[in-house]
Amino acid sequence: MRVVNMVTGAAKGVGSAVGIRTGTEEPRYEVHATTHGLEVRRYGRRIAAETTVHGDEERARDVGFRRLAGYIFGSNRGKSTIAMTAPVSQAGASDDSSVIRFFMPAKWAMEDLPDPEDRSVELVEIHDETMAVLQFSGDRSRAAVAERTAELLRTLEATEWLATGPPVAWFYDPPWTVPFRRRNEVAVPVAAR
């Protein structure tokens, strides 16, 4: 049994390096429309663990990831392990900081999630929302995300959709994934014009 687990773990590790995603839960959504290379998705209510990190975006992603990984891997009042999901979410805040989020698996209700031990981690409920999404692979540096976000907002201008909130970046793969196989997305909440 131990050999089977080791082989399975090794296969998943190799798979993640080339962008093969197996068994990682993602928030459910319905595609409401596709237009100009964008998907307009309708997401239901979700719960996330989030943390705010000051400093540049790449450092914030790293520090935030470690804080949130600590929470889901047992640094919580119940010493519970919570499954990793995708994507990791990153949104800019107004004060040169980023809000990093891990979405909780759908089976968890807010009242059943253990409280974080780290006071910089909090649990939040995200209400239903409609998001315009642009998918891209490759580089996920600050410049690359800014370029794709600008492309998303420019593209929206030619559609029936109007941005109603700040953009967010979603990263589905670990950093060691071959860049051209990475699934990255930028998204913005929208409403029909």
N, C-alpha and C. Protein backbone atom coordinates (compact mmCIF):
# COMPACT_ATOMS: atom_id res chain seq x y z
N MET A 1 0.83 -1.20 0.00
CA MET A 1 0.00 0.00 0.00
C MET A 1 0.86 1.25 0.00
N ARG A 2 1.93 1.23 0.78
CA ARG A 2 2.82 2.39 0.86
C ARG A 2 3.45 2.67 -0.50
N VAL A 3 3.84 1.63 -1.23
CA VAL A 3 4.44 1.80 -2.55
C VAL A 3 3.43 2.41 -3.51
N VAL A 4 2.18 1.96 -3.43
CA VAL A 4 1.13 2.51 -4.29
C VAL A 4 0.95 4.00 -4.00
N ASN A 5 0.92 4.39 -2.74
CA ASN A 5 0.79 5.80 -2.37
C ASN A 5 1.97 6.62 -2.88
N MET A 6 3.17 6.06 -2.78
CA MET A 6 4.36 6.78 -3.26
C MET A 6 4.31 6.96 -4.77
N VAL A 7 3.90 5.92 -5.49
CA VAL A 7 3.81 6.00 -6.95
C VAL A 7 2.73 7.00 -7.35
N THR A 8 1.59 6.95 -6.67
CA THR A 8 0.51 7.89 -6.96
C THR A 8 0.95 9.32 -6.70
N GLY A 9 1.61 9.55 -5.58
CA GLY A 9 2.12 10.89 -5.25
C GLY A 9 3.12 11.38 -6.27
N ALA A 10 4.03 10.51 -6.68
CA ALA A 10 5.03 10.89 -7.69
C ALA A 10 4.36 11.22 -9.02
N ALA A 11 3.37 10.44 -9.41
CA ALA A 11 2.67 10.69 -10.67
C ALA A 11 1.94 12.03 -10.63
N LYS A 12 1.31 12.35 -9.50
CA LYS A 12 0.63 13.64 -9.38
C LYS A 12 1.63 14.79 -9.44
N GLY A 13 2.79 14.61 -8.80
CA GLY A 13 3.83 15.64 -8.83
C GLY A 13 4.33 15.90 -10.24
N VAL A 14 4.60 14.83 -10.98
CA VAL A 14 5.04 14.97 -12.37
C VAL A 14 3.92 15.60 -13.19
N GLY A 15 2.69 15.15 -12.96
CA GLY A 15 1.56 15.71 -13.69
C GLY A 15 1.40 17.19 -13.46
N SER A 16 1.57 17.64 -12.21
CA SER A 16 1.42 19.07 -11.91
C SER A 16 2.50 19.89 -12.59
N ALA A 17 3.67 19.31 -12.81
CA ALA A 17 4.76 20.04 -13.47
C ALA A 17 4.42 20.35 -14.92
N VAL A 18 3.56 19.53 -15.53
CA VAL A 18 3.21 19.76 -16.93
C VAL A 18 1.75 20.20 -17.08
N GLY A 19 1.14 20.65 -15.98
CA GLY A 19 -0.19 21.24 -16.05
C GLY A 19 -1.34 20.26 -16.05
N ILE A 20 -1.11 19.04 -15.56
CA ILE A 20 -2.20 18.07 -15.45
C ILE A 20 -2.79 18.22 -14.05
N ARG A 21 -4.06 18.58 -13.98
CA ARG A 21 -4.73 18.80 -12.70
C ARG A 21 -5.61 17.60 -12.39
N THR A 22 -5.34 16.92 -11.28
CA THR A 22 -6.15 15.76 -10.92
C THR A 22 -6.68 15.92 -9.51
N GLY A 23 -7.98 15.82 -9.37
CA GLY A 23 -8.57 15.76 -8.05
C GLY A 23 -8.61 17.06 -7.27
N THR A 24 -8.29 18.18 -7.89
CA THR A 24 -8.33 19.46 -7.18
C THR A 24 -9.68 20.12 -7.43
N GLU A 25 -10.43 20.34 -6.37
CA GLU A 25 -11.75 20.95 -6.50
C GLU A 25 -11.62 22.42 -6.87
N GLU A 26 -12.53 22.87 -7.72
CA GLU A 26 -12.62 24.28 -8.11
C GLU A 26 -14.04 24.76 -7.80
N PRO A 27 -14.21 26.06 -7.54
CA PRO A 27 -15.57 26.57 -7.32
C PRO A 27 -16.45 26.29 -8.54
N ARG A 28 -17.68 25.89 -8.27
CA ARG A 28 -18.61 25.60 -9.36
C ARG A 28 -19.11 26.90 -9.99
N TYR A 29 -19.33 26.83 -11.30
CA TYR A 29 -19.89 27.98 -12.01
C TYR A 29 -20.62 27.50 -13.24
N GLU A 30 -21.45 28.38 -13.77
CA GLU A 30 -22.11 28.15 -15.05
C GLU A 30 -21.61 29.20 -16.02
N VAL A 31 -21.34 28.79 -17.25
CA VAL A 31 -20.95 29.76 -18.28
C VAL A 31 -22.23 30.40 -18.79
N HIS A 32 -22.36 31.68 -18.53
CA HIS A 32 -23.55 32.44 -18.92
C HIS A 32 -23.45 32.89 -20.38
N ALA A 33 -22.23 33.24 -20.81
CA ALA A 33 -22.01 33.69 -22.18
C ALA A 33 -20.53 33.58 -22.52
N THR A 34 -20.25 33.51 -23.80
CA THR A 34 -18.87 33.66 -24.28
C THR A 34 -18.91 34.77 -25.32
N THR A 35 -17.98 35.69 -25.19
CA THR A 35 -17.96 36.83 -26.09
C THR A 35 -16.56 37.40 -26.21
N HIS A 36 -16.12 37.66 -27.42
CA HIS A 36 -14.83 38.30 -27.67
C HIS A 36 -13.66 37.62 -26.94
N GLY A 37 -13.70 36.30 -26.84
CA GLY A 37 -12.63 35.58 -26.17
C GLY A 37 -12.73 35.52 -24.66
N LEU A 38 -13.82 36.04 -24.12
CA LEU A 38 -14.05 36.02 -22.67
C LEU A 38 -15.16 35.03 -22.33
N GLU A 39 -15.12 34.51 -21.12
CA GLU A 39 -16.24 33.75 -20.58
C GLU A 39 -16.90 34.61 -19.52
N VAL A 40 -18.22 34.65 -19.55
CA VAL A 40 -18.98 35.30 -18.49
C VAL A 40 -19.57 34.17 -17.66
N ARG A 41 -19.11 34.08 -16.41
CA ARG A 41 -19.46 32.97 -15.54
C ARG A 41 -20.32 33.44 -14.36
N ARG A 42 -21.23 32.58 -13.97
CA ARG A 42 -22.06 32.84 -12.79
C ARG A 42 -21.62 31.89 -11.69
N TYR A 43 -21.08 32.46 -10.62
CA TYR A 43 -20.63 31.70 -9.46
C TYR A 43 -21.67 31.81 -8.35
N GLY A 44 -21.87 30.71 -7.65
CA GLY A 44 -22.73 30.72 -6.47
C GLY A 44 -21.95 31.18 -5.25
N ARG A 45 -22.61 31.11 -4.12
CA ARG A 45 -21.98 31.48 -2.85
C ARG A 45 -20.78 30.59 -2.60
N ARG A 46 -19.71 31.20 -2.09
CA ARG A 46 -18.49 30.46 -1.77
C ARG A 46 -17.96 30.96 -0.44
N ILE A 47 -17.12 30.13 0.17
CA ILE A 47 -16.42 30.52 1.39
C ILE A 47 -14.94 30.49 1.07
N ALA A 48 -14.22 31.46 1.61
CA ALA A 48 -12.77 31.51 1.39
C ALA A 48 -12.06 31.83 2.69
N ALA A 49 -10.84 31.34 2.80
CA ALA A 49 -9.91 31.82 3.83
C ALA A 49 -9.09 32.89 3.13
N GLU A 50 -8.90 34.04 3.76
CA GLU A 50 -8.15 35.11 3.12
C GLU A 50 -7.19 35.76 4.10
N THR A 51 -6.17 36.38 3.50
CA THR A 51 -5.19 37.14 4.28
C THR A 51 -4.74 38.32 3.45
N THR A 52 -4.42 39.42 4.10
CA THR A 52 -3.91 40.61 3.42
C THR A 52 -2.42 40.71 3.68
N VAL A 53 -1.66 40.92 2.60
CA VAL A 53 -0.20 40.99 2.69
C VAL A 53 0.26 42.29 2.04
N HIS A 54 1.09 43.05 2.74
CA HIS A 54 1.63 44.30 2.21
C HIS A 54 2.89 44.01 1.41
N GLY A 55 3.11 44.82 0.37
CA GLY A 55 4.31 44.66 -0.45
C GLY A 55 3.97 44.28 -1.87
N ASP A 56 5.01 43.97 -2.65
CA ASP A 56 4.79 43.69 -4.07
C ASP A 56 3.98 42.40 -4.24
N GLU A 57 3.38 42.27 -5.43
CA GLU A 57 2.41 41.21 -5.69
C GLU A 57 3.00 39.81 -5.58
N GLU A 58 4.20 39.61 -6.09
CA GLU A 58 4.78 38.26 -6.06
C GLU A 58 5.13 37.85 -4.63
N ARG A 59 5.67 38.78 -3.84
CA ARG A 59 5.95 38.49 -2.43
C ARG A 59 4.64 38.22 -1.69
N ALA A 60 3.63 39.03 -1.98
CA ALA A 60 2.33 38.86 -1.32
C ALA A 60 1.75 37.48 -1.62
N ARG A 61 1.88 37.05 -2.87
CA ARG A 61 1.37 35.73 -3.24
C ARG A 61 2.08 34.64 -2.45
N ASP A 62 3.39 34.75 -2.32
CA ASP A 62 4.19 33.75 -1.60
C ASP A 62 3.84 33.74 -0.10
N VAL A 63 3.86 34.91 0.52
CA VAL A 63 3.57 35.00 1.96
C VAL A 63 2.12 34.59 2.23
N GLY A 64 1.20 35.08 1.42
CA GLY A 64 -0.21 34.74 1.60
C GLY A 64 -0.46 33.25 1.43
N PHE A 65 0.18 32.66 0.42
CA PHE A 65 0.03 31.23 0.20
C PHE A 65 0.46 30.45 1.44
N ARG A 66 1.61 30.81 2.01
CA ARG A 66 2.11 30.09 3.18
C ARG A 66 1.17 30.23 4.38
N ARG A 67 0.64 31.43 4.59
CA ARG A 67 -0.31 31.62 5.70
C ARG A 67 -1.55 30.75 5.53
N LEU A 68 -2.11 30.79 4.32
CA LEU A 68 -3.34 30.05 4.06
C LEU A 68 -3.11 28.54 4.04
N ALA A 69 -1.96 28.12 3.52
CA ALA A 69 -1.62 26.69 3.56
C ALA A 69 -1.51 26.23 5.00
N GLY A 70 -0.94 27.06 5.86
CA GLY A 70 -0.89 26.73 7.28
C GLY A 70 -2.27 26.47 7.83
N TYR A 71 -3.23 27.33 7.48
CA TYR A 71 -4.60 27.15 7.96
C TYR A 71 -5.18 25.82 7.50
N ILE A 72 -5.12 25.53 6.19
CA ILE A 72 -5.78 24.31 5.70
C ILE A 72 -5.03 23.04 6.10
N PHE A 73 -3.75 23.15 6.43
CA PHE A 73 -2.99 21.96 6.82
C PHE A 73 -2.92 21.78 8.33
N GLY A 74 -3.80 22.47 9.08
CA GLY A 74 -3.95 22.16 10.50
C GLY A 74 -3.67 23.27 11.48
N SER A 75 -3.24 24.45 11.02
CA SER A 75 -3.00 25.55 11.94
C SER A 75 -4.34 26.27 12.18
N ASN A 76 -5.24 25.53 12.82
CA ASN A 76 -6.57 26.05 13.10
C ASN A 76 -7.04 25.45 14.42
N ARG A 77 -8.07 26.02 14.99
CA ARG A 77 -8.54 25.62 16.33
C ARG A 77 -8.94 24.14 16.41
N GLY A 78 -9.39 23.57 15.31
CA GLY A 78 -9.79 22.16 15.32
C GLY A 78 -8.68 21.22 14.91
N LYS A 79 -7.50 21.77 14.57
CA LYS A 79 -6.38 20.96 14.05
C LYS A 79 -6.84 20.12 12.86
N SER A 80 -7.81 20.64 12.11
CA SER A 80 -8.39 19.94 10.97
C SER A 80 -7.56 20.17 9.72
N THR A 81 -7.53 19.17 8.86
CA THR A 81 -6.93 19.31 7.54
C THR A 81 -8.06 19.54 6.55
N ILE A 82 -7.90 20.55 5.72
CA ILE A 82 -8.90 20.92 4.72
C ILE A 82 -8.25 20.77 3.36
N ALA A 83 -8.95 20.15 2.42
CA ALA A 83 -8.38 19.89 1.09
C ALA A 83 -8.01 21.19 0.38
N MET A 84 -6.90 21.15 -0.33
CA MET A 84 -6.47 22.27 -1.18
C MET A 84 -7.40 22.33 -2.38
N THR A 85 -7.76 23.54 -2.77
CA THR A 85 -8.58 23.76 -3.96
C THR A 85 -7.82 24.67 -4.90
N ALA A 86 -8.37 24.89 -6.06
CA ALA A 86 -7.84 25.87 -7.00
C ALA A 86 -9.01 26.72 -7.46
N PRO A 87 -8.78 27.96 -7.80
CA PRO A 87 -7.50 28.65 -7.88
C PRO A 87 -7.11 29.32 -6.56
N VAL A 88 -5.87 29.80 -6.52
CA VAL A 88 -5.45 30.76 -5.51
C VAL A 88 -5.83 32.12 -6.09
N SER A 89 -6.50 32.93 -5.31
CA SER A 89 -7.00 34.22 -5.77
C SER A 89 -6.14 35.35 -5.21
N GLN A 90 -5.88 36.36 -6.05
CA GLN A 90 -5.13 37.53 -5.61
C GLN A 90 -5.79 38.78 -6.15
N ALA A 91 -6.13 39.68 -5.23
CA ALA A 91 -6.72 40.96 -5.61
C ALA A 91 -5.93 42.08 -4.97
N GLY A 92 -5.74 43.15 -5.71
CA GLY A 92 -5.04 44.31 -5.17
C GLY A 92 -5.94 45.05 -4.20
N ALA A 93 -5.34 45.61 -3.17
CA ALA A 93 -6.07 46.45 -2.22
C ALA A 93 -5.60 47.89 -2.43
N SER A 94 -6.23 48.83 -1.79
CA SER A 94 -5.95 50.24 -2.04
C SER A 94 -4.65 50.73 -1.43
N ASP A 95 -4.03 49.96 -0.56
CA ASP A 95 -2.87 50.47 0.17
C ASP A 95 -1.59 49.68 -0.12
N ASP A 96 -1.31 49.39 -1.38
CA ASP A 96 -0.10 48.64 -1.77
C ASP A 96 -0.05 47.28 -1.07
N SER A 97 -1.19 46.63 -1.03
CA SER A 97 -1.25 45.29 -0.45
C SER A 97 -2.11 44.42 -1.34
N SER A 98 -2.07 43.13 -1.09
CA SER A 98 -2.87 42.17 -1.85
C SER A 98 -3.68 41.31 -0.89
N VAL A 99 -4.87 40.96 -1.33
CA VAL A 99 -5.70 40.00 -0.60
C VAL A 99 -5.57 38.67 -1.33
N ILE A 100 -5.07 37.67 -0.60
CA ILE A 100 -4.88 36.33 -1.14
C ILE A 100 -5.97 35.45 -0.55
N ARG A 101 -6.59 34.62 -1.41
CA ARG A 101 -7.68 33.75 -0.95
C ARG A 101 -7.47 32.31 -1.40
N PHE A 102 -7.86 31.39 -0.53
CA PHE A 102 -8.07 29.98 -0.88
C PHE A 102 -9.57 29.76 -0.72
N PHE A 103 -10.21 29.21 -1.74
CA PHE A 103 -11.63 28.86 -1.63
C PHE A 103 -11.75 27.53 -0.88
N MET A 104 -12.72 27.44 -0.01
CA MET A 104 -12.93 26.23 0.77
C MET A 104 -13.71 25.21 -0.06
N PRO A 105 -13.45 23.92 0.15
CA PRO A 105 -14.23 22.89 -0.55
C PRO A 105 -15.72 23.09 -0.30
N ALA A 106 -16.54 22.77 -1.30
CA ALA A 106 -17.98 23.02 -1.24
C ALA A 106 -18.67 22.30 -0.09
N LYS A 107 -18.09 21.22 0.40
CA LYS A 107 -18.74 20.45 1.47
C LYS A 107 -18.76 21.20 2.81
N TRP A 108 -17.94 22.24 2.95
CA TRP A 108 -17.84 22.96 4.23
C TRP A 108 -18.87 24.09 4.30
N ALA A 109 -19.51 24.21 5.46
CA ALA A 109 -20.35 25.37 5.77
C ALA A 109 -19.55 26.28 6.69
N MET A 110 -19.85 27.56 6.68
CA MET A 110 -19.10 28.52 7.48
C MET A 110 -19.05 28.09 8.96
N GLU A 111 -20.19 27.64 9.48
CA GLU A 111 -20.24 27.29 10.90
C GLU A 111 -19.45 26.02 11.23
N ASP A 112 -19.09 25.24 10.22
CA ASP A 112 -18.34 24.00 10.46
C ASP A 112 -16.83 24.17 10.30
N LEU A 113 -16.41 25.26 9.69
CA LEU A 113 -14.97 25.48 9.49
C LEU A 113 -14.30 25.88 10.80
N PRO A 114 -13.13 25.33 11.08
CA PRO A 114 -12.43 25.70 12.31
C PRO A 114 -11.88 27.12 12.20
N ASP A 115 -11.83 27.82 13.32
CA ASP A 115 -11.26 29.16 13.34
C ASP A 115 -9.75 29.09 13.11
N PRO A 116 -9.20 30.04 12.35
CA PRO A 116 -7.75 30.08 12.14
C PRO A 116 -7.01 30.40 13.44
N GLU A 117 -5.84 29.83 13.62
CA GLU A 117 -4.98 30.20 14.75
C GLU A 117 -4.25 31.50 14.45
N ASP A 118 -3.90 31.72 13.19
CA ASP A 118 -3.20 32.93 12.76
C ASP A 118 -4.23 34.05 12.62
N ARG A 119 -4.07 35.11 13.40
CA ARG A 119 -5.05 36.21 13.37
C ARG A 119 -5.05 36.99 12.06
N SER A 120 -4.05 36.78 11.21
CA SER A 120 -4.04 37.47 9.91
C SER A 120 -4.84 36.70 8.86
N VAL A 121 -5.38 35.55 9.23
CA VAL A 121 -6.22 34.74 8.33
C VAL A 121 -7.66 34.85 8.82
N GLU A 122 -8.57 35.11 7.91
CA GLU A 122 -9.98 35.14 8.29
C GLU A 122 -10.82 34.40 7.27
N LEU A 123 -11.97 33.96 7.70
CA LEU A 123 -12.92 33.27 6.83
C LEU A 123 -13.96 34.28 6.36
N VAL A 124 -14.25 34.26 5.06
CA VAL A 124 -15.21 35.21 4.49
C VAL A 124 -16.18 34.46 3.58
N GLU A 125 -17.38 35.00 3.50
CA GLU A 125 -18.37 34.45 2.57
C GLU A 125 -18.44 35.36 1.36
N ILE A 126 -18.38 34.76 0.19
CA ILE A 126 -18.48 35.51 -1.07
C ILE A 126 -19.85 35.19 -1.66
N HIS A 127 -20.63 36.22 -1.88
CA HIS A 127 -21.98 36.02 -2.38
C HIS A 127 -21.97 35.72 -3.87
N ASP A 128 -23.12 35.30 -4.39
CA ASP A 128 -23.25 35.02 -5.82
C ASP A 128 -22.70 36.20 -6.62
N GLU A 129 -22.02 35.89 -7.71
CA GLU A 129 -21.51 36.97 -8.56
C GLU A 129 -21.33 36.48 -9.98
N THR A 130 -21.42 37.43 -10.90
CA THR A 130 -21.16 37.17 -12.31
C THR A 130 -19.81 37.78 -12.63
N MET A 131 -18.93 36.98 -13.25
CA MET A 131 -17.55 37.40 -13.52
C MET A 131 -17.24 37.24 -15.00
N ALA A 132 -16.60 38.24 -15.59
CA ALA A 132 -16.02 38.11 -16.93
C ALA A 132 -14.60 37.63 -16.72
N VAL A 133 -14.21 36.59 -17.46
CA VAL A 133 -12.94 35.90 -17.22
C VAL A 133 -12.14 35.78 -18.51
N LEU A 134 -10.85 36.11 -18.41
CA LEU A 134 -9.91 35.93 -19.51
C LEU A 134 -8.85 34.94 -19.05
N GLN A 135 -8.73 33.83 -19.77
CA GLN A 135 -7.75 32.80 -19.41
C GLN A 135 -6.45 33.04 -20.17
N PHE A 136 -5.32 32.75 -19.51
CA PHE A 136 -4.02 32.84 -20.18
C PHE A 136 -3.06 31.87 -19.54
N SER A 137 -2.01 31.55 -20.26
CA SER A 137 -0.97 30.66 -19.72
C SER A 137 0.33 31.46 -19.64
N GLY A 138 1.36 30.81 -19.13
CA GLY A 138 2.68 31.44 -19.11
C GLY A 138 2.94 32.26 -17.87
N ASP A 139 3.64 33.35 -18.09
CA ASP A 139 4.12 34.22 -17.02
C ASP A 139 2.97 34.74 -16.16
N ARG A 140 3.19 34.77 -14.86
CA ARG A 140 2.20 35.35 -13.96
C ARG A 140 2.81 36.42 -13.07
N SER A 141 3.80 37.10 -13.62
CA SER A 141 4.43 38.22 -12.92
C SER A 141 3.44 39.38 -12.82
N ARG A 142 3.83 40.38 -12.06
CA ARG A 142 2.99 41.57 -11.91
C ARG A 142 2.71 42.19 -13.28
N ALA A 143 3.74 42.30 -14.12
CA ALA A 143 3.57 42.91 -15.45
C ALA A 143 2.62 42.08 -16.32
N ALA A 144 2.77 40.76 -16.28
CA ALA A 144 1.92 39.89 -17.10
C ALA A 144 0.46 39.97 -16.65
N VAL A 145 0.24 39.96 -15.35
CA VAL A 145 -1.13 40.06 -14.84
C VAL A 145 -1.73 41.42 -15.17
N ALA A 146 -0.95 42.49 -15.04
CA ALA A 146 -1.43 43.83 -15.38
C ALA A 146 -1.79 43.92 -16.87
N GLU A 147 -0.96 43.33 -17.71
CA GLU A 147 -1.21 43.35 -19.16
C GLU A 147 -2.51 42.60 -19.49
N ARG A 148 -2.70 41.44 -18.90
CA ARG A 148 -3.92 40.65 -19.16
C ARG A 148 -5.15 41.32 -18.56
N THR A 149 -5.00 41.97 -17.43
CA THR A 149 -6.12 42.69 -16.82
C THR A 149 -6.55 43.85 -17.72
N ALA A 150 -5.57 44.58 -18.25
CA ALA A 150 -5.88 45.68 -19.18
C ALA A 150 -6.59 45.13 -20.42
N GLU A 151 -6.13 43.98 -20.92
CA GLU A 151 -6.76 43.35 -22.07
C GLU A 151 -8.22 42.97 -21.76
N LEU A 152 -8.44 42.41 -20.58
CA LEU A 152 -9.80 42.05 -20.15
C LEU A 152 -10.70 43.28 -20.13
N LEU A 153 -10.24 44.35 -19.52
CA LEU A 153 -11.06 45.56 -19.40
C LEU A 153 -11.30 46.22 -20.75
N ARG A 154 -10.28 46.23 -21.62
CA ARG A 154 -10.46 46.76 -22.99
C ARG A 154 -11.48 45.94 -23.76
N THR A 155 -11.36 44.63 -23.66
CA THR A 155 -12.27 43.74 -24.38
C THR A 155 -13.70 43.92 -23.90
N LEU A 156 -13.89 44.12 -22.62
CA LEU A 156 -15.24 44.32 -22.07
C LEU A 156 -15.94 45.52 -22.68
N GLU A 157 -15.17 46.54 -23.04
CA GLU A 157 -15.76 47.76 -23.60
C GLU A 157 -16.54 47.48 -24.88
N ALA A 158 -16.18 46.41 -25.60
CA ALA A 158 -16.84 46.08 -26.86
C ALA A 158 -17.99 45.09 -26.67
N THR A 159 -18.37 44.84 -25.42
CA THR A 159 -19.42 43.85 -25.15
C THR A 159 -20.60 44.51 -24.46
N GLU A 160 -21.59 43.69 -24.17
CA GLU A 160 -22.77 44.17 -23.45
C GLU A 160 -22.56 44.15 -21.94
N TRP A 161 -21.33 43.87 -21.49
CA TRP A 161 -21.04 43.72 -20.07
C TRP A 161 -20.26 44.91 -19.54
N LEU A 162 -20.58 45.31 -18.32
CA LEU A 162 -19.94 46.45 -17.67
C LEU A 162 -19.27 45.97 -16.38
N ALA A 163 -17.99 46.33 -16.22
CA ALA A 163 -17.28 45.97 -14.98
C ALA A 163 -17.91 46.70 -13.81
N THR A 164 -18.13 45.97 -12.71
CA THR A 164 -18.79 46.57 -11.54
C THR A 164 -17.93 46.52 -10.28
N GLY A 165 -16.70 46.08 -10.42
CA GLY A 165 -15.83 45.98 -9.25
C GLY A 165 -14.40 45.81 -9.68
N PRO A 166 -13.50 45.66 -8.73
CA PRO A 166 -12.08 45.54 -9.05
C PRO A 166 -11.74 44.17 -9.62
N PRO A 167 -10.70 44.11 -10.45
CA PRO A 167 -10.27 42.84 -11.02
C PRO A 167 -9.53 41.97 -10.00
N VAL A 168 -9.45 40.70 -10.33
CA VAL A 168 -8.78 39.71 -9.49
C VAL A 168 -8.02 38.75 -10.42
N ALA A 169 -6.93 38.18 -9.91
CA ALA A 169 -6.18 37.17 -10.67
C ALA A 169 -6.35 35.82 -9.99
N TRP A 170 -6.50 34.78 -10.79
CA TRP A 170 -6.65 33.41 -10.29
C TRP A 170 -5.55 32.55 -10.86
N PHE A 171 -4.88 31.80 -10.00
CA PHE A 171 -3.77 30.94 -10.39
C PHE A 171 -4.10 29.50 -10.02
N TYR A 172 -4.11 28.61 -11.00
CA TYR A 172 -4.56 27.24 -10.81
C TYR A 172 -3.44 26.23 -10.59
N ASP A 173 -2.22 26.57 -10.92
CA ASP A 173 -1.13 25.61 -10.90
C ASP A 173 -0.01 26.04 -9.97
N PRO A 174 0.76 25.06 -9.45
CA PRO A 174 1.91 25.41 -8.61
C PRO A 174 3.00 26.10 -9.43
N PRO A 175 3.91 26.81 -8.76
CA PRO A 175 4.95 27.56 -9.46
C PRO A 175 5.87 26.71 -10.33
N TRP A 176 6.01 25.43 -10.01
CA TRP A 176 6.93 24.58 -10.78
C TRP A 176 6.30 24.05 -12.06
N THR A 177 5.02 24.35 -12.31
CA THR A 177 4.40 23.93 -13.56
C THR A 177 5.08 24.64 -14.72
N VAL A 178 5.34 23.89 -15.78
CA VAL A 178 5.94 24.46 -16.99
C VAL A 178 5.08 25.66 -17.41
N PRO A 179 5.68 26.85 -17.59
CA PRO A 179 4.88 28.06 -17.81
C PRO A 179 3.83 27.95 -18.92
N PHE A 180 4.15 27.35 -20.06
CA PHE A 180 3.17 27.33 -21.14
C PHE A 180 1.99 26.39 -20.84
N ARG A 181 2.08 25.59 -19.77
CA ARG A 181 0.99 24.69 -19.37
C ARG A 181 0.18 25.25 -18.19
N ARG A 182 0.57 26.40 -17.66
CA ARG A 182 -0.14 26.97 -16.52
C ARG A 182 -1.51 27.50 -16.94
N ARG A 183 -2.46 27.34 -16.05
CA ARG A 183 -3.76 27.96 -16.24
C ARG A 183 -3.85 29.13 -15.28
N ASN A 184 -3.92 30.31 -15.84
CA ASN A 184 -4.08 31.55 -15.09
C ASN A 184 -5.31 32.25 -15.64
N GLU A 185 -5.96 33.05 -14.82
CA GLU A 185 -7.10 33.82 -15.28
C GLU A 185 -7.12 35.18 -14.60
N VAL A 186 -7.63 36.16 -15.31
CA VAL A 186 -7.98 37.43 -14.69
C VAL A 186 -9.49 37.57 -14.83
N ALA A 187 -10.12 38.15 -13.83
CA ALA A 187 -11.58 38.21 -13.81
C ALA A 187 -12.02 39.53 -13.18
N VAL A 188 -13.22 39.92 -13.53
CA VAL A 188 -13.79 41.13 -12.96
C VAL A 188 -15.30 40.92 -12.83
N PRO A 189 -15.91 41.38 -11.73
CA PRO A 189 -17.37 41.28 -11.62
C PRO A 189 -18.04 42.17 -12.67
N VAL A 190 -19.14 41.66 -13.23
CA VAL A 190 -19.82 42.40 -14.31
C VAL A 190 -21.33 42.35 -14.13
N ALA A 191 -21.98 43.28 -14.83
CA ALA A 191 -23.44 43.29 -14.97
C ALA A 191 -23.75 43.66 -16.41
N ALA A 192 -24.92 43.26 -16.88
CA ALA A 192 -25.33 43.63 -18.24
C ALA A 192 -25.53 45.13 -18.30
N ARG A 193 -25.12 45.74 -19.43
CA ARG A 193 -25.29 47.19 -19.61
C ARG A 193 -26.76 47.55 -19.75
